[in-house]
Amino acid sequence: MPAEPDPTDASLRRAEPWKVAVVPPEPPEGDLSFPCPRCRAEVVERAYGPCSGCRAELRQLGGERRDVEVEYVPKMNVTPNAVALKD
């Protein structure tokens, strides 16, 4: 059987980097413990982001949801599609 490659061998790193690559461990299952990026309180949540209290506050800041209509006016340097103009 061939011997395992030496990961400190510089020529191997250049020629076959996938043989010496280090794969990070899988994240732990379940909830994560981290400081809330908004209020800095230590929280346990399913995913990284604002805590549930901060999310509730942010939802109230947004107000009512509404549709915004904007008419598109192309710039002068935009040329129309030649196929679309063909009669």
Protein backbone atom coordinates (compact mmCIF):
# COMPACT_ATOMS: atom_id res chain seq x y z
CA MET A 1 0.00 0.00 0.00
CA PRO A 2 1.27 3.50 -0.77
CA ALA A 3 2.09 5.71 2.19
CA GLU A 4 -0.14 8.67 3.03
CA PRO A 5 1.14 11.96 1.54
CA ASP A 6 3.03 14.29 3.84
CA PRO A 7 0.81 17.40 4.29
CA THR A 8 3.89 19.55 4.97
CA ASP A 9 5.34 18.79 1.53
CA ALA A 10 5.14 22.11 -0.40
CA SER A 11 5.26 20.42 -3.81
CA LEU A 12 2.18 18.37 -2.96
CA ARG A 13 0.23 21.49 -1.91
CA ARG A 14 0.87 23.06 -5.31
CA ALA A 15 0.19 19.93 -7.34
CA GLU A 16 -2.80 18.41 -5.47
CA PRO A 17 -4.27 20.86 -2.93
CA TRP A 18 -7.42 18.75 -2.41
CA LYS A 19 -5.38 16.01 -0.75
CA VAL A 20 -4.22 18.29 2.05
CA ALA A 21 -7.33 20.45 2.39
CA VAL A 22 -8.90 20.69 5.83
CA VAL A 23 -12.67 20.45 5.96
CA PRO A 24 -14.25 22.31 8.89
CA PRO A 25 -16.41 20.25 11.24
CA GLU A 26 -20.19 20.26 10.80
CA PRO A 27 -22.05 22.76 13.00
CA PRO A 28 -23.76 21.25 16.03
CA GLU A 29 -27.37 20.13 15.70
CA GLY A 30 -30.05 22.22 17.38
CA ASP A 31 -30.07 25.79 18.60
CA LEU A 32 -27.06 28.11 18.62
CA SER A 33 -25.94 30.33 21.48
CA PHE A 34 -24.62 33.76 20.42
CA PRO A 35 -24.93 37.47 21.30
CA CYS A 36 -27.73 39.26 19.47
CA PRO A 37 -26.10 41.50 16.82
CA ARG A 38 -28.57 44.30 17.65
CA CYS A 39 -28.91 44.40 21.46
CA ARG A 40 -25.87 42.25 22.42
CA ALA A 41 -27.96 40.06 24.76
CA GLU A 42 -26.89 36.41 24.92
CA VAL A 43 -29.60 34.40 23.11
CA VAL A 44 -30.27 30.83 22.00
CA GLU A 45 -31.86 30.78 18.54
CA ARG A 46 -32.17 28.39 15.59
CA ALA A 47 -30.17 30.70 13.27
CA TYR A 48 -27.85 33.70 13.64
CA GLY A 49 -29.61 37.06 13.53
CA PRO A 50 -31.59 39.45 15.74
CA CYS A 51 -33.24 37.91 18.80
CA SER A 52 -37.02 37.43 18.87
CA GLY A 53 -37.49 40.65 20.89
CA CYS A 54 -35.49 42.71 18.39
CA ARG A 55 -37.35 41.10 15.47
CA ALA A 56 -40.67 42.15 17.03
CA GLU A 57 -39.39 45.74 17.44
CA LEU A 58 -38.12 45.84 13.86
CA ARG A 59 -41.49 44.65 12.52
CA GLN A 60 -43.21 47.58 14.29
CA LEU A 61 -40.74 50.10 12.86
CA GLY A 62 -41.67 49.19 9.30
CA GLY A 63 -45.32 50.25 9.59
CA GLU A 64 -48.01 49.08 7.19
CA ARG A 65 -47.04 47.18 4.07
CA ARG A 66 -47.98 48.95 0.88
CA ASP A 67 -47.53 48.50 -2.87
CA VAL A 68 -45.38 51.09 -4.60
CA GLU A 69 -45.91 51.75 -8.29
CA VAL A 70 -43.03 53.20 -10.27
CA GLU A 71 -43.05 53.86 -13.98
CA TYR A 72 -39.87 52.72 -15.72
CA VAL A 73 -38.30 55.35 -17.95
CA PRO A 74 -35.20 54.05 -19.76
CA LYS A 75 -32.10 56.18 -19.89
CA MET A 76 -31.16 57.79 -23.19
CA ASN A 77 -28.27 55.37 -23.78
CA VAL A 78 -30.57 52.31 -23.57
CA THR A 79 -31.59 51.04 -27.00
CA PRO A 80 -34.74 48.96 -27.43
CA ASN A 81 -34.51 45.31 -28.42
CA ALA A 82 -34.48 45.03 -32.21
CA VAL A 83 -36.57 41.82 -32.17
CA ALA A 84 -39.24 43.46 -30.03
CA LEU A 85 -39.55 46.39 -32.49
CA LYS A 86 -39.81 44.13 -35.55
CA ASP A 87 -43.27 44.39 -37.17
